[in-house]
Amino acid sequence: MRQEQLLTADYIDSQIGNVIEYYIRWEFEEDPFYGKARIKGLVDGDSGGLKIICDIIEGSDLELAYEEEEVFMISDNHPIYAGSLPDIYSANWVSTDGKKKKQIFIAPENENAKEFAVSQTNSKVIVKRIY
């Protein structure tokens, strides 16, 4: 089982000066969000909520994160998790209109990545683990 937790203001306060790994759980056809950052602290955002101040080491820009109901989000209904990054896969397939498609995704826990990609695309899929 993966060690993970929702990114909260208390957790950020406890990690100031440290490097954390972070990600969201994303669905097939959504853009991934993950990376590593050195946390510097919290600041009041323009809209009144908290934002994270950090140095991005790799991945997506955590400084875009905002607090909603005591949990940091990157977009509506997408909480950010801290912890070791999950297995990340790339799927390649040809759609019914003959166009080549590619998608990066996380397979749900306890589910085979290739079978998950097939269920999402209804096509033959080439799946590779990329992280």
N, C-alpha and C. Protein backbone atom coordinates (compact mmCIF):
# COMPACT_ATOMS: atom_id res chain seq x y z
N MET A 1 0.83 -1.18 0.00
CA MET A 1 0.00 0.00 0.00
C MET A 1 0.88 1.25 0.00
N ARG A 2 0.51 2.22 -0.79
CA ARG A 2 1.30 3.44 -0.90
C ARG A 2 1.07 4.34 0.31
N GLN A 3 2.15 5.00 0.76
CA GLN A 3 2.01 6.01 1.80
C GLN A 3 1.66 7.31 1.10
N GLU A 4 0.53 7.88 1.44
CA GLU A 4 0.12 9.13 0.82
C GLU A 4 -0.78 9.87 1.78
N GLN A 5 -0.86 11.18 1.58
CA GLN A 5 -1.78 11.96 2.39
C GLN A 5 -2.18 13.19 1.61
N LEU A 6 -3.35 13.71 1.95
CA LEU A 6 -3.79 14.94 1.32
C LEU A 6 -2.86 16.07 1.73
N LEU A 7 -2.57 16.95 0.80
CA LEU A 7 -1.73 18.11 1.08
C LEU A 7 -2.58 19.13 1.85
N THR A 8 -2.23 19.39 3.10
CA THR A 8 -2.95 20.34 3.94
C THR A 8 -2.00 21.42 4.42
N ALA A 9 -2.56 22.50 4.95
CA ALA A 9 -1.73 23.59 5.48
C ALA A 9 -0.84 23.09 6.62
N ASP A 10 -1.38 22.22 7.48
CA ASP A 10 -0.58 21.69 8.59
C ASP A 10 0.60 20.88 8.06
N TYR A 11 0.34 20.07 7.02
CA TYR A 11 1.43 19.27 6.46
C TYR A 11 2.48 20.18 5.82
N ILE A 12 2.04 21.19 5.07
CA ILE A 12 2.99 22.13 4.46
C ILE A 12 3.85 22.79 5.53
N ASP A 13 3.21 23.26 6.62
CA ASP A 13 3.96 23.89 7.72
C ASP A 13 5.00 22.94 8.28
N SER A 14 4.66 21.66 8.38
CA SER A 14 5.61 20.69 8.93
C SER A 14 6.74 20.36 7.96
N GLN A 15 6.60 20.73 6.69
CA GLN A 15 7.58 20.36 5.68
C GLN A 15 8.38 21.55 5.15
N ILE A 16 8.26 22.73 5.76
CA ILE A 16 9.00 23.90 5.29
C ILE A 16 10.50 23.60 5.31
N GLY A 17 11.15 23.84 4.17
CA GLY A 17 12.57 23.56 4.01
C GLY A 17 12.85 22.18 3.45
N ASN A 18 11.85 21.31 3.44
CA ASN A 18 12.02 19.94 2.93
C ASN A 18 11.56 19.82 1.49
N VAL A 19 12.03 18.78 0.83
CA VAL A 19 11.57 18.44 -0.52
C VAL A 19 10.46 17.41 -0.37
N ILE A 20 9.33 17.66 -1.02
CA ILE A 20 8.24 16.69 -1.01
C ILE A 20 7.92 16.25 -2.43
N GLU A 21 7.41 15.03 -2.57
CA GLU A 21 6.85 14.56 -3.82
C GLU A 21 5.35 14.75 -3.73
N TYR A 22 4.73 15.09 -4.85
CA TYR A 22 3.30 15.35 -4.83
C TYR A 22 2.68 14.95 -6.16
N TYR A 23 1.39 14.72 -6.14
CA TYR A 23 0.66 14.35 -7.36
C TYR A 23 -0.83 14.46 -7.09
N ILE A 24 -1.63 14.42 -8.14
CA ILE A 24 -3.06 14.22 -7.99
C ILE A 24 -3.37 12.86 -8.59
N ARG A 25 -4.50 12.31 -8.22
CA ARG A 25 -4.98 11.10 -8.90
C ARG A 25 -5.76 11.60 -10.09
N TRP A 26 -5.33 11.23 -11.27
CA TRP A 26 -6.08 11.73 -12.41
C TRP A 26 -6.71 10.60 -13.19
N GLU A 27 -7.77 10.95 -13.90
CA GLU A 27 -8.49 9.99 -14.72
C GLU A 27 -7.88 9.96 -16.11
N PHE A 28 -8.18 8.91 -16.84
CA PHE A 28 -7.78 8.82 -18.23
C PHE A 28 -8.33 10.05 -18.96
N GLU A 29 -7.58 10.61 -19.88
CA GLU A 29 -7.95 11.80 -20.66
C GLU A 29 -7.78 13.10 -19.90
N GLU A 30 -7.22 13.09 -18.71
CA GLU A 30 -6.91 14.33 -18.01
C GLU A 30 -5.41 14.52 -17.97
N ASP A 31 -4.99 15.77 -17.86
CA ASP A 31 -3.56 16.06 -17.78
C ASP A 31 -3.01 15.64 -16.43
N PRO A 32 -1.84 15.03 -16.42
CA PRO A 32 -1.23 14.63 -15.14
C PRO A 32 -0.66 15.84 -14.40
N PHE A 33 -0.49 15.71 -13.11
CA PHE A 33 0.08 16.74 -12.26
C PHE A 33 0.91 16.03 -11.21
N TYR A 34 2.21 16.20 -11.25
CA TYR A 34 3.07 15.55 -10.28
C TYR A 34 4.43 16.20 -10.29
N GLY A 35 5.24 15.93 -9.28
CA GLY A 35 6.59 16.47 -9.25
C GLY A 35 7.20 16.45 -7.86
N LYS A 36 8.26 17.25 -7.73
CA LYS A 36 8.95 17.44 -6.45
C LYS A 36 9.15 18.93 -6.25
N ALA A 37 9.05 19.37 -5.01
CA ALA A 37 9.25 20.79 -4.71
C ALA A 37 9.88 20.93 -3.33
N ARG A 38 10.69 22.00 -3.17
CA ARG A 38 11.18 22.37 -1.84
C ARG A 38 10.21 23.41 -1.30
N ILE A 39 9.59 23.12 -0.18
CA ILE A 39 8.55 23.97 0.39
C ILE A 39 9.18 25.15 1.13
N LYS A 40 8.72 26.37 0.82
CA LYS A 40 9.19 27.57 1.51
C LYS A 40 8.16 28.09 2.49
N GLY A 41 6.88 27.86 2.22
CA GLY A 41 5.86 28.31 3.15
C GLY A 41 4.53 28.55 2.48
N LEU A 42 3.65 29.24 3.20
CA LEU A 42 2.31 29.53 2.72
C LEU A 42 2.11 31.04 2.65
N VAL A 43 1.25 31.48 1.75
CA VAL A 43 0.95 32.91 1.61
C VAL A 43 -0.53 33.06 1.28
N ASP A 44 -1.11 34.19 1.70
CA ASP A 44 -2.51 34.46 1.33
C ASP A 44 -2.58 34.75 -0.16
N GLY A 45 -3.45 34.04 -0.86
CA GLY A 45 -3.62 34.23 -2.30
C GLY A 45 -4.49 35.44 -2.61
N ASP A 46 -4.56 35.80 -3.88
CA ASP A 46 -5.35 36.95 -4.33
C ASP A 46 -6.83 36.79 -4.00
N SER A 47 -7.32 35.57 -4.02
CA SER A 47 -8.75 35.34 -3.79
C SER A 47 -9.06 35.05 -2.33
N GLY A 48 -8.08 35.26 -1.45
CA GLY A 48 -8.33 35.07 -0.03
C GLY A 48 -7.92 33.72 0.52
N GLY A 49 -7.71 32.72 -0.34
CA GLY A 49 -7.27 31.41 0.12
C GLY A 49 -5.76 31.33 0.22
N LEU A 50 -5.28 30.26 0.80
CA LEU A 50 -3.84 30.05 0.92
C LEU A 50 -3.26 29.50 -0.37
N LYS A 51 -2.00 29.89 -0.66
CA LYS A 51 -1.24 29.31 -1.77
C LYS A 51 0.09 28.85 -1.22
N ILE A 52 0.72 27.91 -1.91
CA ILE A 52 2.00 27.36 -1.48
C ILE A 52 3.13 28.12 -2.17
N ILE A 53 4.16 28.48 -1.40
CA ILE A 53 5.38 29.05 -1.99
C ILE A 53 6.43 27.95 -1.96
N CYS A 54 7.04 27.68 -3.11
CA CYS A 54 8.02 26.59 -3.17
C CYS A 54 8.94 26.77 -4.36
N ASP A 55 10.05 26.06 -4.34
CA ASP A 55 10.94 25.94 -5.50
C ASP A 55 10.58 24.63 -6.17
N ILE A 56 10.19 24.69 -7.44
CA ILE A 56 9.88 23.48 -8.18
C ILE A 56 11.19 22.83 -8.60
N ILE A 57 11.38 21.58 -8.26
CA ILE A 57 12.57 20.84 -8.66
C ILE A 57 12.30 20.08 -9.95
N GLU A 58 11.14 19.46 -10.03
CA GLU A 58 10.74 18.81 -11.28
C GLU A 58 9.23 18.65 -11.27
N GLY A 59 8.65 18.54 -12.46
CA GLY A 59 7.23 18.28 -12.57
C GLY A 59 6.40 19.53 -12.72
N SER A 60 5.16 19.47 -12.27
CA SER A 60 4.19 20.53 -12.44
C SER A 60 4.33 21.60 -11.35
N ASP A 61 3.81 22.78 -11.64
CA ASP A 61 4.00 23.94 -10.78
C ASP A 61 3.08 23.91 -9.56
N LEU A 62 3.61 23.51 -8.42
CA LEU A 62 2.83 23.43 -7.20
C LEU A 62 2.38 24.80 -6.71
N GLU A 63 3.06 25.87 -7.16
CA GLU A 63 2.67 27.22 -6.73
C GLU A 63 1.26 27.60 -7.19
N LEU A 64 0.72 26.86 -8.17
CA LEU A 64 -0.65 27.10 -8.62
C LEU A 64 -1.69 26.52 -7.65
N ALA A 65 -1.24 25.71 -6.72
CA ALA A 65 -2.16 25.06 -5.79
C ALA A 65 -2.81 26.08 -4.87
N TYR A 66 -4.07 25.85 -4.55
CA TYR A 66 -4.80 26.72 -3.63
C TYR A 66 -5.56 25.85 -2.63
N GLU A 67 -5.85 26.45 -1.48
CA GLU A 67 -6.52 25.69 -0.43
C GLU A 67 -8.03 25.81 -0.55
N GLU A 68 -8.69 24.68 -0.44
CA GLU A 68 -10.15 24.64 -0.45
C GLU A 68 -10.58 23.64 0.60
N GLU A 69 -11.32 24.12 1.58
CA GLU A 69 -11.78 23.26 2.69
C GLU A 69 -10.62 22.52 3.34
N GLU A 70 -9.54 23.25 3.61
CA GLU A 70 -8.36 22.77 4.33
C GLU A 70 -7.52 21.76 3.56
N VAL A 71 -7.78 21.60 2.25
CA VAL A 71 -6.99 20.70 1.40
C VAL A 71 -6.53 21.47 0.18
N PHE A 72 -5.28 21.29 -0.23
CA PHE A 72 -4.79 21.98 -1.43
C PHE A 72 -5.25 21.26 -2.69
N MET A 73 -5.69 22.07 -3.65
CA MET A 73 -6.22 21.56 -4.92
C MET A 73 -5.41 22.18 -6.06
N ILE A 74 -5.35 21.47 -7.19
CA ILE A 74 -4.73 22.04 -8.38
C ILE A 74 -5.81 22.48 -9.36
N SER A 75 -6.97 21.86 -9.33
CA SER A 75 -8.11 22.31 -10.13
C SER A 75 -9.36 21.83 -9.41
N ASP A 76 -10.50 22.23 -9.89
CA ASP A 76 -11.74 21.87 -9.19
C ASP A 76 -11.83 20.37 -8.97
N ASN A 77 -12.11 19.99 -7.73
CA ASN A 77 -12.31 18.60 -7.35
C ASN A 77 -11.09 17.71 -7.53
N HIS A 78 -9.91 18.28 -7.57
CA HIS A 78 -8.69 17.48 -7.68
C HIS A 78 -7.75 17.79 -6.52
N PRO A 79 -7.90 17.07 -5.40
CA PRO A 79 -6.99 17.28 -4.28
C PRO A 79 -5.59 16.80 -4.63
N ILE A 80 -4.60 17.42 -4.02
CA ILE A 80 -3.20 17.04 -4.24
C ILE A 80 -2.77 16.13 -3.10
N TYR A 81 -2.09 15.06 -3.45
CA TYR A 81 -1.58 14.11 -2.48
C TYR A 81 -0.08 14.28 -2.36
N ALA A 82 0.45 14.02 -1.17
CA ALA A 82 1.89 13.99 -0.95
C ALA A 82 2.29 12.55 -0.65
N GLY A 83 3.47 12.20 -1.06
CA GLY A 83 3.96 10.85 -0.83
C GLY A 83 4.70 10.38 -2.06
N SER A 84 5.15 9.16 -2.04
CA SER A 84 5.88 8.66 -3.20
C SER A 84 4.95 8.63 -4.41
N LEU A 85 5.51 8.96 -5.56
CA LEU A 85 4.69 9.04 -6.76
C LEU A 85 4.17 7.67 -7.15
N PRO A 86 2.95 7.60 -7.66
CA PRO A 86 2.39 6.33 -8.10
C PRO A 86 3.03 5.88 -9.42
N ASP A 87 2.75 4.67 -9.85
CA ASP A 87 3.21 4.20 -11.15
C ASP A 87 2.48 4.98 -12.24
N ILE A 88 3.25 5.53 -13.18
CA ILE A 88 2.68 6.35 -14.25
C ILE A 88 2.92 5.61 -15.57
N TYR A 89 1.86 5.56 -16.39
CA TYR A 89 1.90 4.80 -17.63
C TYR A 89 1.58 5.68 -18.83
N SER A 90 2.03 5.23 -20.00
CA SER A 90 1.70 5.87 -21.27
C SER A 90 0.97 4.84 -22.12
N ALA A 91 -0.16 5.27 -22.71
CA ALA A 91 -0.95 4.39 -23.58
C ALA A 91 -0.95 4.96 -25.00
N ASN A 92 -0.74 4.12 -25.99
CA ASN A 92 -0.79 4.51 -27.39
C ASN A 92 -1.78 3.59 -28.11
N TRP A 93 -2.66 4.18 -28.92
CA TRP A 93 -3.64 3.41 -29.66
C TRP A 93 -4.10 4.19 -30.88
N VAL A 94 -4.83 3.49 -31.76
CA VAL A 94 -5.42 4.11 -32.94
C VAL A 94 -6.92 4.17 -32.71
N SER A 95 -7.49 5.38 -32.79
CA SER A 95 -8.93 5.54 -32.53
C SER A 95 -9.74 5.05 -33.73
N THR A 96 -11.06 5.02 -33.56
CA THR A 96 -11.93 4.50 -34.61
C THR A 96 -11.88 5.36 -35.87
N ASP A 97 -11.48 6.63 -35.75
CA ASP A 97 -11.35 7.48 -36.94
C ASP A 97 -9.97 7.39 -37.59
N GLY A 98 -9.14 6.45 -37.09
CA GLY A 98 -7.84 6.19 -37.69
C GLY A 98 -6.71 7.07 -37.18
N LYS A 99 -6.98 7.94 -36.21
CA LYS A 99 -5.94 8.83 -35.68
C LYS A 99 -5.20 8.16 -34.53
N LYS A 100 -3.87 8.39 -34.51
CA LYS A 100 -3.05 7.88 -33.41
C LYS A 100 -3.28 8.75 -32.19
N LYS A 101 -3.44 8.09 -31.05
CA LYS A 101 -3.68 8.81 -29.80
C LYS A 101 -2.68 8.34 -28.75
N LYS A 102 -2.40 9.24 -27.79
CA LYS A 102 -1.50 8.93 -26.70
C LYS A 102 -2.05 9.56 -25.43
N GLN A 103 -1.93 8.84 -24.31
CA GLN A 103 -2.42 9.36 -23.04
C GLN A 103 -1.52 8.88 -21.92
N ILE A 104 -1.22 9.76 -20.98
CA ILE A 104 -0.49 9.40 -19.76
C ILE A 104 -1.54 9.21 -18.67
N PHE A 105 -1.37 8.18 -17.83
CA PHE A 105 -2.37 7.91 -16.81
C PHE A 105 -1.80 7.13 -15.64
N ILE A 106 -2.56 7.11 -14.55
CA ILE A 106 -2.30 6.24 -13.41
C ILE A 106 -3.38 5.18 -13.43
N ALA A 107 -3.01 3.93 -13.36
CA ALA A 107 -4.01 2.87 -13.26
C ALA A 107 -4.53 2.83 -11.83
N PRO A 108 -5.82 2.58 -11.65
CA PRO A 108 -6.35 2.45 -10.29
C PRO A 108 -5.63 1.34 -9.55
N GLU A 109 -5.56 1.48 -8.22
CA GLU A 109 -4.90 0.45 -7.41
C GLU A 109 -5.55 -0.90 -7.65
N ASN A 110 -4.74 -1.93 -7.62
CA ASN A 110 -5.19 -3.31 -7.80
C ASN A 110 -5.80 -3.57 -9.17
N GLU A 111 -5.44 -2.76 -10.17
CA GLU A 111 -5.94 -2.99 -11.53
C GLU A 111 -4.76 -3.00 -12.49
N ASN A 112 -4.78 -3.94 -13.43
CA ASN A 112 -3.74 -4.05 -14.45
C ASN A 112 -3.80 -2.83 -15.37
N ALA A 113 -2.65 -2.18 -15.59
CA ALA A 113 -2.61 -0.95 -16.38
C ALA A 113 -3.10 -1.17 -17.81
N LYS A 114 -2.68 -2.26 -18.45
CA LYS A 114 -3.10 -2.50 -19.83
C LYS A 114 -4.61 -2.75 -19.91
N GLU A 115 -5.13 -3.56 -18.99
CA GLU A 115 -6.56 -3.82 -18.99
C GLU A 115 -7.36 -2.54 -18.74
N PHE A 116 -6.84 -1.68 -17.85
CA PHE A 116 -7.50 -0.41 -17.58
C PHE A 116 -7.52 0.46 -18.85
N ALA A 117 -6.38 0.54 -19.55
CA ALA A 117 -6.31 1.35 -20.77
C ALA A 117 -7.25 0.82 -21.84
N VAL A 118 -7.33 -0.49 -21.99
CA VAL A 118 -8.24 -1.10 -22.96
C VAL A 118 -9.69 -0.73 -22.61
N SER A 119 -10.03 -0.78 -21.33
CA SER A 119 -11.40 -0.44 -20.92
C SER A 119 -11.74 1.02 -21.18
N GLN A 120 -10.74 1.90 -21.18
CA GLN A 120 -10.96 3.32 -21.42
C GLN A 120 -11.04 3.67 -22.90
N THR A 121 -10.33 2.90 -23.73
CA THR A 121 -10.22 3.24 -25.16
C THR A 121 -11.05 2.33 -26.06
N ASN A 122 -11.44 1.16 -25.56
CA ASN A 122 -12.11 0.16 -26.39
C ASN A 122 -11.30 -0.17 -27.63
N SER A 123 -9.98 -0.18 -27.49
CA SER A 123 -9.07 -0.44 -28.60
C SER A 123 -7.90 -1.29 -28.12
N LYS A 124 -7.15 -1.82 -29.10
CA LYS A 124 -5.87 -2.43 -28.76
C LYS A 124 -4.95 -1.29 -28.35
N VAL A 125 -4.23 -1.48 -27.25
CA VAL A 125 -3.41 -0.40 -26.68
C VAL A 125 -2.02 -0.92 -26.37
N ILE A 126 -1.03 -0.09 -26.65
CA ILE A 126 0.33 -0.37 -26.21
C ILE A 126 0.55 0.46 -24.95
N VAL A 127 0.88 -0.20 -23.85
CA VAL A 127 1.05 0.48 -22.56
C VAL A 127 2.48 0.30 -22.09
N LYS A 128 3.11 1.42 -21.68
CA LYS A 128 4.46 1.38 -21.13
C LYS A 128 4.47 2.12 -19.81
N ARG A 129 5.19 1.59 -18.83
CA ARG A 129 5.36 2.32 -17.57
C ARG A 129 6.44 3.37 -17.81
N ILE A 130 6.14 4.61 -17.47
CA ILE A 130 7.12 5.68 -17.70
C ILE A 130 7.71 6.23 -16.41
N TYR A 131 7.10 5.89 -15.27
CA TYR A 131 7.69 6.33 -14.00
C TYR A 131 7.33 5.32 -12.94
